[in-house]
């Protein structure tokens, strides 16, 4: 399986796993119908899921601004979850990117 194909095939599974883990729902058509983000817990968190079989993933300003705009408009914390795949196409690492104010809020610092 080609590297890009592994990530493309894995993406829908990643979205469902995240939604189940956080007690939320997968966004139908991953935001193509107006609702942005791949998964969400209404009123709590909006999640953008990314998966790659490359050795690294770049978090861009565009990705951050897209999920922030959708989340903040609904009173939710924006959250980016990145999954790195091994050569077998299975996840080896999962990391989350949150704004600092979101971490502060979770830790009761705000």
PDB file of N, CA and C in Angstrom:
ATOM      1  N   UNK A   1       0.851  -1.174   0.000  1.00  0.00           N
ATOM      2  CA  UNK A   1       0.000   0.000   0.000  1.00  0.00           C
ATOM      3  C   UNK A   1       0.899   1.239   0.000  1.00  0.00           C
ATOM      4  N   UNK A   2       0.543   2.225  -0.821  1.00  0.00           N
ATOM      5  CA  UNK A   2       1.322   3.455  -0.859  1.00  0.00           C
ATOM      6  C   UNK A   2       1.107   4.238   0.421  1.00  0.00           C
ATOM      7  N   UNK A   3       2.118   5.041   0.775  1.00  0.00           N
ATOM      8  CA  UNK A   3       2.060   5.785   2.032  1.00  0.00           C
ATOM      9  C   UNK A   3       0.848   6.700   2.115  1.00  0.00           C
ATOM     10  N   UNK A   4       0.590   7.484   1.086  1.00  0.00           N
ATOM     11  CA  UNK A   4      -0.553   8.398   1.099  1.00  0.00           C
ATOM     12  C   UNK A   4      -1.877   7.663   1.170  1.00  0.00           C
ATOM     13  N   UNK A   5      -1.931   6.507   0.512  1.00  0.00           N
ATOM     14  CA  UNK A   5      -3.157   5.711   0.522  1.00  0.00           C
ATOM     15  C   UNK A   5      -3.462   5.187   1.922  1.00  0.00           C
ATOM     16  N   UNK A   6      -2.430   4.821   2.664  1.00  0.00           N
ATOM     17  CA  UNK A   6      -2.639   4.319   4.027  1.00  0.00           C
ATOM     18  C   UNK A   6      -3.295   5.387   4.897  1.00  0.00           C
ATOM     19  N   UNK A   7      -2.810   6.613   4.796  1.00  0.00           N
ATOM     20  CA  UNK A   7      -3.377   7.705   5.589  1.00  0.00           C
ATOM     21  C   UNK A   7      -4.803   8.007   5.148  1.00  0.00           C
ATOM     22  N   UNK A   8      -5.023   8.015   3.852  1.00  0.00           N
ATOM     23  CA  UNK A   8      -6.366   8.301   3.323  1.00  0.00           C
ATOM     24  C   UNK A   8      -7.361   7.234   3.786  1.00  0.00           C
ATOM     25  N   UNK A   9      -6.945   5.983   3.741  1.00  0.00           N
ATOM     26  CA  UNK A   9      -7.822   4.891   4.167  1.00  0.00           C
ATOM     27  C   UNK A   9      -8.061   4.901   5.671  1.00  0.00           C
ATOM     28  N   UNK A  10      -7.103   5.347   6.435  1.00  0.00           N
ATOM     29  CA  UNK A  10      -7.180   5.347   7.890  1.00  0.00           C
ATOM     30  C   UNK A  10      -8.051   6.481   8.427  1.00  0.00           C
ATOM     31  N   UNK A  11      -8.117   7.596   7.708  1.00  0.00           N
ATOM     32  CA  UNK A  11      -8.777   8.806   8.201  1.00  0.00           C
ATOM     33  C   UNK A  11     -10.201   8.591   8.740  1.00  0.00           C
ATOM     34  N   UNK A  12     -11.107   7.923   8.024  1.00  0.00           N
ATOM     35  CA  UNK A  12     -12.461   7.750   8.576  1.00  0.00           C
ATOM     36  C   UNK A  12     -12.494   6.949   9.870  1.00  0.00           C
ATOM     37  N   UNK A  13     -11.590   5.968   9.988  1.00  0.00           N
ATOM     38  CA  UNK A  13     -11.512   5.173  11.219  1.00  0.00           C
ATOM     39  C   UNK A  13     -11.020   6.046  12.379  1.00  0.00           C
ATOM     40  N   UNK A  14     -10.031   6.890  12.093  1.00  0.00           N
ATOM     41  CA  UNK A  14      -9.508   7.800  13.108  1.00  0.00           C
ATOM     42  C   UNK A  14     -10.625   8.707  13.618  1.00  0.00           C
ATOM     43  N   UNK A  15     -11.401   9.284  12.703  1.00  0.00           N
ATOM     44  CA  UNK A  15     -12.489  10.192  13.095  1.00  0.00           C
ATOM     45  C   UNK A  15     -13.499   9.484  13.994  1.00  0.00           C
ATOM     46  N   UNK A  16     -13.886   8.268  13.633  1.00  0.00           N
ATOM     47  CA  UNK A  16     -14.855   7.515  14.451  1.00  0.00           C
ATOM     48  C   UNK A  16     -14.278   7.167  15.821  1.00  0.00           C
ATOM     49  N   UNK A  17     -13.005   6.770  15.851  1.00  0.00           N
ATOM     50  CA  UNK A  17     -12.364   6.428  17.127  1.00  0.00           C
ATOM     51  C   UNK A  17     -12.299   7.632  18.057  1.00  0.00           C
ATOM     52  N   UNK A  18     -11.956   8.782  17.513  1.00  0.00           N
ATOM     53  CA  UNK A  18     -11.891  10.000  18.329  1.00  0.00           C
ATOM     54  C   UNK A  18     -13.272  10.328  18.874  1.00  0.00           C
ATOM     55  N   UNK A  19     -14.276  10.338  18.004  1.00  0.00           N
ATOM     56  CA  UNK A  19     -15.638  10.675  18.436  1.00  0.00           C
ATOM     57  C   UNK A  19     -16.108   9.738  19.542  1.00  0.00           C
ATOM     58  N   UNK A  20     -15.849   8.462  19.393  1.00  0.00           N
ATOM     59  CA  UNK A  20     -16.253   7.492  20.418  1.00  0.00           C
ATOM     60  C   UNK A  20     -15.508   7.748  21.724  1.00  0.00           C
ATOM     61  N   UNK A  21     -14.191   7.987  21.625  1.00  0.00           N
ATOM     62  CA  UNK A  21     -13.369   8.194  22.821  1.00  0.00           C
ATOM     63  C   UNK A  21     -13.814   9.408  23.630  1.00  0.00           C
ATOM     64  N   UNK A  22     -14.200  10.491  22.951  1.00  0.00           N
ATOM     65  CA  UNK A  22     -14.558  11.724  23.661  1.00  0.00           C
ATOM     66  C   UNK A  22     -16.063  11.843  23.923  1.00  0.00           C
ATOM     67  N   UNK A  23     -16.834  10.865  23.466  1.00  0.00           N
ATOM     68  CA  UNK A  23     -18.273  10.898  23.682  1.00  0.00           C
ATOM     69  C   UNK A  23     -18.981  11.883  22.774  1.00  0.00           C
ATOM     70  N   UNK A  24     -18.440  12.051  21.572  1.00  0.00           N
ATOM     71  CA  UNK A  24     -19.023  12.999  20.623  1.00  0.00           C
ATOM     72  C   UNK A  24     -19.522  12.317  19.369  1.00  0.00           C
ATOM     73  N   UNK A  25     -19.638  13.106  18.321  1.00  0.00           N
ATOM     74  CA  UNK A  25     -20.137  12.617  17.043  1.00  0.00           C
ATOM     75  C   UNK A  25     -19.199  12.999  15.915  1.00  0.00           C
ATOM     76  N   UNK A  26     -19.159  12.157  14.885  1.00  0.00           N
ATOM     77  CA  UNK A  26     -18.406  12.464  13.674  1.00  0.00           C
ATOM     78  C   UNK A  26     -19.213  13.473  12.869  1.00  0.00           C
ATOM     79  N   UNK A  27     -18.529  14.454  12.294  1.00  0.00           N
ATOM     80  CA  UNK A  27     -19.184  15.440  11.445  1.00  0.00           C
ATOM     81  C   UNK A  27     -19.405  14.819  10.074  1.00  0.00           C
ATOM     82  N   UNK A  28     -20.648  14.817   9.614  1.00  0.00           N
ATOM     83  CA  UNK A  28     -20.961  14.251   8.303  1.00  0.00           C
ATOM     84  C   UNK A  28     -20.249  15.044   7.222  1.00  0.00           C
ATOM     85  N   UNK A  29     -19.669  14.345   6.266  1.00  0.00           N
ATOM     86  CA  UNK A  29     -18.931  14.925   5.129  1.00  0.00           C
ATOM     87  C   UNK A  29     -17.745  15.775   5.592  1.00  0.00           C
ATOM     88  N   UNK A  30     -17.275  15.559   6.810  1.00  0.00           N
ATOM     89  CA  UNK A  30     -16.110  16.253   7.372  1.00  0.00           C
ATOM     90  C   UNK A  30     -16.091  17.745   7.084  1.00  0.00           C
ATOM     91  N   UNK A  31     -17.216  18.382   7.286  1.00  0.00           N
ATOM     92  CA  UNK A  31     -17.269  19.831   7.172  1.00  0.00           C
ATOM     93  C   UNK A  31     -17.658  20.351   5.814  1.00  0.00           C
ATOM     94  N   UNK A  32     -17.873  19.508   4.830  1.00  0.00           N
ATOM     95  CA  UNK A  32     -18.208  19.970   3.485  1.00  0.00           C
ATOM     96  C   UNK A  32     -19.603  20.589   3.417  1.00  0.00           C
ATOM     97  N   UNK A  33     -20.455  20.321   4.391  1.00  0.00           N
ATOM     98  CA  UNK A  33     -21.819  20.823   4.372  1.00  0.00           C
ATOM     99  C   UNK A  33     -22.036  21.955   5.371  1.00  0.00           C
ATOM    100  N   UNK A  34     -20.994  22.711   5.653  1.00  0.00           N
ATOM    101  CA  UNK A  34     -21.143  23.869   6.524  1.00  0.00           C
ATOM    102  C   UNK A  34     -20.613  23.693   7.931  1.00  0.00           C
ATOM    103  N   UNK A  35     -20.701  22.502   8.491  1.00  0.00           N
ATOM    104  CA  UNK A  35     -20.193  22.256   9.842  1.00  0.00           C
ATOM    105  C   UNK A  35     -18.734  21.819   9.742  1.00  0.00           C
ATOM    106  N   UNK A  36     -17.834  22.631  10.250  1.00  0.00           N
ATOM    107  CA  UNK A  36     -16.401  22.359  10.126  1.00  0.00           C
ATOM    108  C   UNK A  36     -15.896  21.475  11.255  1.00  0.00           C
ATOM    109  N   UNK A  37     -14.792  20.806  10.994  1.00  0.00           N
ATOM    110  CA  UNK A  37     -14.210  19.884  11.961  1.00  0.00           C
ATOM    111  C   UNK A  37     -14.631  18.466  11.638  1.00  0.00           C
ATOM    112  N   UNK A  38     -13.890  17.490  12.131  1.00  0.00           N
ATOM    113  CA  UNK A  38     -14.170  16.086  11.842  1.00  0.00           C
ATOM    114  C   UNK A  38     -15.035  15.426  12.904  1.00  0.00           C
ATOM    115  N   UNK A  39     -14.976  15.939  14.118  1.00  0.00           N
ATOM    116  CA  UNK A  39     -15.778  15.397  15.211  1.00  0.00           C
ATOM    117  C   UNK A  39     -15.998  16.512  16.221  1.00  0.00           C
ATOM    118  N   UNK A  40     -17.005  16.328  17.068  1.00  0.00           N
ATOM    119  CA  UNK A  40     -17.237  17.346  18.099  1.00  0.00           C
ATOM    120  C   UNK A  40     -18.085  16.800  19.228  1.00  0.00           C
ATOM    121  N   UNK A  41     -17.927  17.440  20.371  1.00  0.00           N
ATOM    122  CA  UNK A  41     -18.839  17.287  21.487  1.00  0.00           C
ATOM    123  C   UNK A  41     -19.477  18.659  21.601  1.00  0.00           C
ATOM    124  N   UNK A  42     -20.725  18.767  21.239  1.00  0.00           N
ATOM    125  CA  UNK A  42     -21.400  20.069  21.168  1.00  0.00           C
ATOM    126  C   UNK A  42     -21.247  20.846  22.470  1.00  0.00           C
ATOM    127  N   UNK A  43     -20.822  22.105  22.306  1.00  0.00           N
ATOM    128  CA  UNK A  43     -20.660  22.989  23.445  1.00  0.00           C
ATOM    129  C   UNK A  43     -19.393  22.763  24.248  1.00  0.00           C
ATOM    130  N   UNK A  44     -18.575  21.784  23.835  1.00  0.00           N
ATOM    131  CA  UNK A  44     -17.364  21.461  24.598  1.00  0.00           C
ATOM    132  C   UNK A  44     -16.114  21.558  23.726  1.00  0.00           C
ATOM    133  N   UNK A  45     -16.037  20.737  22.681  1.00  0.00           N
ATOM    134  CA  UNK A  45     -14.814  20.658  21.876  1.00  0.00           C
ATOM    135  C   UNK A  45     -15.138  20.397  20.407  1.00  0.00           C
ATOM    136  N   UNK A  46     -14.341  20.994  19.528  1.00  0.00           N
ATOM    137  CA  UNK A  46     -14.422  20.756  18.078  1.00  0.00           C
ATOM    138  C   UNK A  46     -13.078  20.183  17.650  1.00  0.00           C
ATOM    139  N   UNK A  47     -13.090  19.048  16.964  1.00  0.00           N
ATOM    140  CA  UNK A  47     -11.864  18.309  16.670  1.00  0.00           C
ATOM    141  C   UNK A  47     -11.596  18.232  15.173  1.00  0.00           C
ATOM    142  N   UNK A  48     -10.385  18.545  14.816  1.00  0.00           N
ATOM    143  CA  UNK A  48      -9.887  18.338  13.458  1.00  0.00           C
ATOM    144  C   UNK A  48      -8.906  17.177  13.543  1.00  0.00           C
ATOM    145  N   UNK A  49      -9.138  16.122  12.769  1.00  0.00           N
ATOM    146  CA  UNK A  49      -8.298  14.932  12.794  1.00  0.00           C
ATOM    147  C   UNK A  49      -7.403  14.910  11.564  1.00  0.00           C
ATOM    148  N   UNK A  50      -6.127  14.626  11.783  1.00  0.00           N
ATOM    149  CA  UNK A  50      -5.158  14.509  10.694  1.00  0.00           C
ATOM    150  C   UNK A  50      -4.386  13.218  10.890  1.00  0.00           C
ATOM    151  N   UNK A  51      -4.112  12.544   9.795  1.00  0.00           N
ATOM    152  CA  UNK A  51      -3.315  11.329   9.861  1.00  0.00           C
ATOM    153  C   UNK A  51      -2.317  11.334   8.713  1.00  0.00           C
ATOM    154  N   UNK A  52      -1.128  10.844   8.984  1.00  0.00           N
ATOM    155  CA  UNK A  52      -0.090  10.817   7.955  1.00  0.00           C
ATOM    156  C   UNK A  52       0.813   9.610   8.132  1.00  0.00           C
ATOM    157  N   UNK A  53       1.319   9.132   7.017  1.00  0.00           N
ATOM    158  CA  UNK A  53       2.314   8.068   7.056  1.00  0.00           C
ATOM    159  C   UNK A  53       3.715   8.640   6.847  1.00  0.00           C
ATOM    160  N   UNK A  54       3.805   9.974   6.749  1.00  0.00           N
ATOM    161  CA  UNK A  54       5.112  10.634   6.654  1.00  0.00           C
ATOM    162  C   UNK A  54       5.783  10.644   8.027  1.00  0.00           C
ATOM    163  N   UNK A  55       7.048  11.003   8.060  1.00  0.00           N
ATOM    164  CA  UNK A  55       7.786  11.053   9.321  1.00  0.00           C
ATOM    165  C   UNK A  55       7.392  12.251  10.172  1.00  0.00           C
ATOM    166  N   UNK A  56       6.751  13.243   9.550  1.00  0.00           N
ATOM    167  CA  UNK A  56       6.351  14.434  10.300  1.00  0.00           C
ATOM    168  C   UNK A  56       5.072  15.009   9.716  1.00  0.00           C
ATOM    169  N   UNK A  57       4.486  15.927  10.460  1.00  0.00           N
ATOM    170  CA  UNK A  57       3.270  16.627  10.029  1.00  0.00           C
ATOM    171  C   UNK A  57       3.421  18.090  10.423  1.00  0.00           C
ATOM    172  N   UNK A  58       3.162  18.981   9.498  1.00  0.00           N
ATOM    173  CA  UNK A  58       3.273  20.416   9.783  1.00  0.00           C
ATOM    174  C   UNK A  58       1.920  20.974  10.201  1.00  0.00           C
ATOM    175  N   UNK A  59       1.900  21.600  11.358  1.00  0.00           N
ATOM    176  CA  UNK A  59       0.704  22.305  11.813  1.00  0.00           C
ATOM    177  C   UNK A  59       0.806  23.719  11.249  1.00  0.00           C
ATOM    178  N   UNK A  60      -0.107  24.055  10.353  1.00  0.00           N
ATOM    179  CA  UNK A  60      -0.063  25.357   9.696  1.00  0.00           C
ATOM    180  C   UNK A  60      -1.036  26.338  10.325  1.00  0.00           C
ATOM    181  N   UNK A  61      -0.786  27.590  10.083  1.00  0.00           N
ATOM    182  CA  UNK A  61      -1.688  28.642  10.535  1.00  0.00           C
ATOM    183  C   UNK A  61      -3.099  28.416   9.979  1.00  0.00           C
ATOM    184  N   UNK A  62      -3.177  27.967   8.736  1.00  0.00           N
ATOM    185  CA  UNK A  62      -4.472  27.719   8.094  1.00  0.00           C
ATOM    186  C   UNK A  62      -5.279  26.647   8.837  1.00  0.00           C
ATOM    187  N   UNK A  63      -4.617  25.564   9.221  1.00  0.00           N
ATOM    188  CA  UNK A  63      -5.295  24.494   9.968  1.00  0.00           C
ATOM    189  C   UNK A  63      -5.794  25.030  11.307  1.00  0.00           C
ATOM    190  N   UNK A  64      -4.931  25.754  12.006  1.00  0.00           N
ATOM    191  CA  UNK A  64      -5.299  26.299  13.322  1.00  0.00           C
ATOM    192  C   UNK A  64      -6.471  27.268  13.195  1.00  0.00           C
ATOM    193  N   UNK A  65      -6.392  28.187  12.247  1.00  0.00           N
ATOM    194  CA  UNK A  65      -7.443  29.197  12.096  1.00  0.00           C
ATOM    195  C   UNK A  65      -8.780  28.579  11.691  1.00  0.00           C
ATOM    196  N   UNK A  66      -8.743  27.541  10.871  1.00  0.00           N
ATOM    197  CA  UNK A  66      -9.978  26.875  10.439  1.00  0.00           C
ATOM    198  C   UNK A  66     -10.713  26.254  11.630  1.00  0.00           C
ATOM    199  N   UNK A  67     -10.009  25.488  12.441  1.00  0.00           N
ATOM    200  CA  UNK A  67     -10.672  24.816  13.559  1.00  0.00           C
ATOM    201  C   UNK A  67     -11.013  25.804  14.668  1.00  0.00           C
ATOM    202  N   UNK A  68     -10.172  26.828  14.865  1.00  0.00           N
ATOM    203  CA  UNK A  68     -10.481  27.856  15.867  1.00  0.00           C
ATOM    204  C   UNK A  68     -11.751  28.610  15.505  1.00  0.00           C
ATOM    205  N   UNK A  69     -11.885  29.009  14.248  1.00  0.00           N
ATOM    206  CA  UNK A  69     -13.071  29.763  13.830  1.00  0.00           C
ATOM    207  C   UNK A  69     -14.344  28.953  14.045  1.00  0.00           C
ATOM    208  N   UNK A  70     -14.309  27.690  13.680  1.00  0.00           N
ATOM    209  CA  UNK A  70     -15.490  26.840  13.856  1.00  0.00           C
ATOM    210  C   UNK A  70     -15.809  26.622  15.329  1.00  0.00           C
ATOM    211  N   UNK A  71     -14.774  26.352  16.120  1.00  0.00           N
ATOM    212  CA  UNK A  71     -14.974  26.055  17.540  1.00  0.00           C
ATOM    213  C   UNK A  71     -15.445  27.280  18.316  1.00  0.00           C
ATOM    214  N   UNK A  72     -14.760  28.381  18.148  1.00  0.00           N
ATOM    215  CA  UNK A  72     -15.085  29.575  18.924  1.00  0.00           C
ATOM    216  C   UNK A  72     -16.473  30.100  18.597  1.00  0.00           C
ATOM    217  N   UNK A  73     -16.892  29.945  17.338  1.00  0.00           N
ATOM    218  CA  UNK A  73     -18.239  30.369  16.946  1.00  0.00           C
ATOM    219  C   UNK A  73     -19.332  29.575  17.654  1.00  0.00           C
ATOM    220  N   UNK A  74     -18.994  28.401  18.156  1.00  0.00           N
ATOM    221  CA  UNK A  74     -19.954  27.541  18.854  1.00  0.00           C
ATOM    222  C   UNK A  74     -19.649  27.431  20.343  1.00  0.00           C
ATOM    223  N   UNK A  75     -18.700  28.244  20.835  1.00  0.00           N
ATOM    224  CA  UNK A  75     -18.340  28.193  22.248  1.00  0.00           C
ATOM    225  C   UNK A  75     -17.608  26.924  22.633  1.00  0.00           C
ATOM    226  N   UNK A  76     -16.822  26.378  21.702  1.00  0.00           N
ATOM    227  CA  UNK A  76     -16.117  25.128  21.940  1.00  0.00           C
ATOM    228  C   UNK A  76     -14.600  25.336  21.914  1.00  0.00           C
ATOM    229  N   UNK A  77     -13.864  24.420  22.508  1.00  0.00           N
ATOM    230  CA  UNK A  77     -12.405  24.459  22.485  1.00  0.00           C
ATOM    231  C   UNK A  77     -11.938  23.783  21.193  1.00  0.00           C
ATOM    232  N   UNK A  78     -11.084  24.434  20.403  1.00  0.00           N
ATOM    233  CA  UNK A  78     -10.544  23.795  19.204  1.00  0.00           C
ATOM    234  C   UNK A  78      -9.453  22.800  19.579  1.00  0.00           C
ATOM    235  N   UNK A  79      -9.430  21.692  18.877  1.00  0.00           N
ATOM    236  CA  UNK A  79      -8.526  20.599  19.235  1.00  0.00           C
ATOM    237  C   UNK A  79      -8.120  19.898  17.950  1.00  0.00           C
ATOM    238  N   UNK A  80      -6.832  19.780  17.709  1.00  0.00           N
ATOM    239  CA  UNK A  80      -6.284  19.098  16.543  1.00  0.00           C
ATOM    240  C   UNK A  80      -5.624  17.815  17.020  1.00  0.00           C
ATOM    241  N   UNK A  81      -6.047  16.680  16.477  1.00  0.00           N
ATOM    242  CA  UNK A  81      -5.420  15.411  16.833  1.00  0.00           C
ATOM    243  C   UNK A  81      -4.693  14.870  15.607  1.00  0.00           C
ATOM    244  N   UNK A  82      -3.402  14.605  15.783  1.00  0.00           N
ATOM    245  CA  UNK A  82      -2.550  14.140  14.695  1.00  0.00           C
ATOM    246  C   UNK A  82      -2.119  12.710  14.990  1.00  0.00           C
ATOM    247  N   UNK A  83      -2.268  11.878  13.989  1.00  0.00           N
ATOM    248  CA  UNK A  83      -1.910  10.471  14.114  1.00  0.00           C
ATOM    249  C   UNK A  83      -0.806  10.167  13.097  1.00  0.00           C
ATOM    250  N   UNK A  84       0.297   9.602  13.576  1.00  0.00           N
ATOM    251  CA  UNK A  84       1.401   9.200  12.709  1.00  0.00           C
ATOM    252  C   UNK A  84       1.339   7.682  12.529  1.00  0.00           C
ATOM    253  N   UNK A  85       1.383   7.250  11.281  1.00  0.00           N
ATOM    254  CA  UNK A  85       1.263   5.836  10.969  1.00  0.00           C
ATOM    255  C   UNK A  85       2.629   5.207  10.743  1.00  0.00           C
ATOM    256  N   UNK A  86       2.760   3.950  11.137  1.00  0.00           N
ATOM    257  CA  UNK A  86       3.983   3.194  10.872  1.00  0.00           C
ATOM    258  C   UNK A  86       3.946   2.627   9.464  1.00  0.00           C
ATOM    259  N   UNK A  87       4.953   1.901   9.099  1.00  0.00           N
ATOM    260  CA  UNK A  87       5.034   1.320   7.760  1.00  0.00           C
ATOM    261  C   UNK A  87       3.913   0.318   7.496  1.00  0.00           C
ATOM    262  N   UNK A  88       3.350  -0.235   8.550  1.00  0.00           N
ATOM    263  CA  UNK A  88       2.250  -1.184   8.398  1.00  0.00           C
ATOM    264  C   UNK A  88       0.891  -0.499   8.279  1.00  0.00           C
ATOM    265  N   UNK A  89       0.882   0.847   8.310  1.00  0.00           N
ATOM    266  CA  UNK A  89      -0.362   1.594   8.195  1.00  0.00           C
ATOM    267  C   UNK A  89      -1.125   1.732   9.488  1.00  0.00           C
ATOM    268  N   UNK A  90      -0.539   1.268  10.593  1.00  0.00           N
ATOM    269  CA  UNK A  90      -1.189   1.360  11.908  1.00  0.00           C
ATOM    270  C   UNK A  90      -0.595   2.526  12.688  1.00  0.00           C
ATOM    271  N   UNK A  91      -1.405   3.160  13.539  1.00  0.00           N
ATOM    272  CA  UNK A  91      -0.911   4.308  14.313  1.00  0.00           C
ATOM    273  C   UNK A  91       0.232   3.937  15.255  1.00  0.00           C
ATOM    274  N   UNK A  92       1.274   4.755  15.244  1.00  0.00           N
ATOM    275  CA  UNK A  92       2.375   4.583  16.182  1.00  0.00           C
ATOM    276  C   UNK A  92       2.380   5.691  17.230  1.00  0.00           C
ATOM    277  N   UNK A  93       1.874   6.862  16.864  1.00  0.00           N
ATOM    278  CA  UNK A  93       1.827   8.009  17.765  1.00  0.00           C
ATOM    279  C   UNK A  93       0.549   8.798  17.524  1.00  0.00           C
ATOM    280  N   UNK A  94      -0.015   9.296  18.622  1.00  0.00           N
ATOM    281  CA  UNK A  94      -1.173  10.197  18.558  1.00  0.00           C
ATOM    282  C   UNK A  94      -0.862  11.380  19.457  1.00  0.00           C
ATOM    283  N   UNK A  95      -0.985  12.574  18.912  1.00  0.00           N
ATOM    284  CA  UNK A  95      -0.730  13.774  19.704  1.00  0.00           C
ATOM    285  C   UNK A  95      -1.873  14.763  19.504  1.00  0.00           C
ATOM    286  N   UNK A  96      -2.052  15.627  20.490  1.00  0.00           N
ATOM    287  CA  UNK A  96      -3.096  16.649  20.425  1.00  0.00           C
ATOM    288  C   UNK A  96      -2.459  18.026  20.451  1.00  0.00           C
ATOM    289  N   UNK A  97      -3.062  18.939  19.715  1.00  0.00           N
ATOM    290  CA  UNK A  97      -2.643  20.333  19.721  1.00  0.00           C
ATOM    291  C   UNK A  97      -3.852  21.152  20.162  1.00  0.00           C
ATOM    292  N   UNK A  98      -3.672  21.865  21.264  1.00  0.00           N
ATOM    293  CA  UNK A  98      -4.726  22.724  21.817  1.00  0.00           C
ATOM    294  C   UNK A  98      -4.155  24.114  22.029  1.00  0.00           C
ATOM    295  N   UNK A  99      -5.006  25.143  21.988  1.00  0.00           N
ATOM    296  CA  UNK A  99      -4.495  26.465  22.351  1.00  0.00           C
ATOM    297  C   UNK A  99      -4.162  26.487  23.852  1.00  0.00           C
ATOM    298  N   UNK A 100      -3.210  27.312  24.232  1.00  0.00           N
ATOM    299  CA  UNK A 100      -2.798  27.395  25.635  1.00  0.00           C
ATOM    300  C   UNK A 100      -3.980  27.734  26.531  1.00  0.00           C
ATOM    301  N   UNK A 101      -4.859  28.626  26.079  1.00  0.00           N
ATOM    302  CA  UNK A 101      -6.009  28.979  26.922  1.00  0.00           C
ATOM    303  C   UNK A 101      -6.916  27.773  27.143  1.00  0.00           C
ATOM    304  N   UNK A 102      -6.952  26.836  26.200  1.00  0.00           N
ATOM    305  CA  UNK A 102      -7.746  25.619  26.372  1.00  0.00           C
ATOM    306  C   UNK A 102      -7.157  24.727  27.452  1.00  0.00           C
ATOM    307  N   UNK A 103      -5.841  24.611  27.471  1.00  0.00           N
ATOM    308  CA  UNK A 103      -5.167  23.844  28.519  1.00  0.00           C
ATOM    309  C   UNK A 103      -5.400  24.506  29.876  1.00  0.00           C
ATOM    310  N   UNK A 104      -5.249  25.842  29.920  1.00  0.00           N
ATOM    311  CA  UNK A 104      -5.483  26.580  31.167  1.00  0.00           C
ATOM    312  C   UNK A 104      -6.900  26.337  31.684  1.00  0.00           C
ATOM    313  N   UNK A 105      -7.861  26.349  30.769  1.00  0.00           N
ATOM    314  CA  UNK A 105      -9.255  26.126  31.147  1.00  0.00           C
ATOM    315  C   UNK A 105      -9.436  24.724  31.720  1.00  0.00           C
ATOM    316  N   UNK A 106      -8.849  23.730  31.058  1.00  0.00           N
ATOM    317  CA  UNK A 106      -8.965  22.351  31.527  1.00  0.00           C
ATOM    318  C   UNK A 106      -8.325  22.160  32.898  1.00  0.00           C
ATOM    319  N   UNK A 107      -7.250  22.911  33.158  1.00  0.00           N
ATOM    320  CA  UNK A 107      -6.544  22.793  34.431  1.00  0.00           C
ATOM    321  C   UNK A 107      -7.102  23.729  35.496  1.00  0.00           C
ATOM    322  N   UNK A 108      -8.166  24.447  35.164  1.00  0.00           N
ATOM    323  CA  UNK A 108      -8.777  25.352  36.132  1.00  0.00           C
ATOM    324  C   UNK A 108      -7.998  26.617  36.377  1.00  0.00           C
ATOM    325  N   UNK A 109      -7.169  27.009  35.414  1.00  0.00           N
ATOM    326  CA  UNK A 109      -6.333  28.208  35.577  1.00  0.00           C
ATOM    327  C   UNK A 109      -7.020  29.466  35.079  1.00  0.00           C
ATOM    328  N   UNK A 110      -8.176  29.334  34.458  1.00  0.00           N
ATOM    329  CA  UNK A 110      -8.880  30.503  33.905  1.00  0.00           C
ATOM    330  C   UNK A 110     -10.145  30.776  34.629  1.00  0.00           C
TER     331      UNK A 110
END
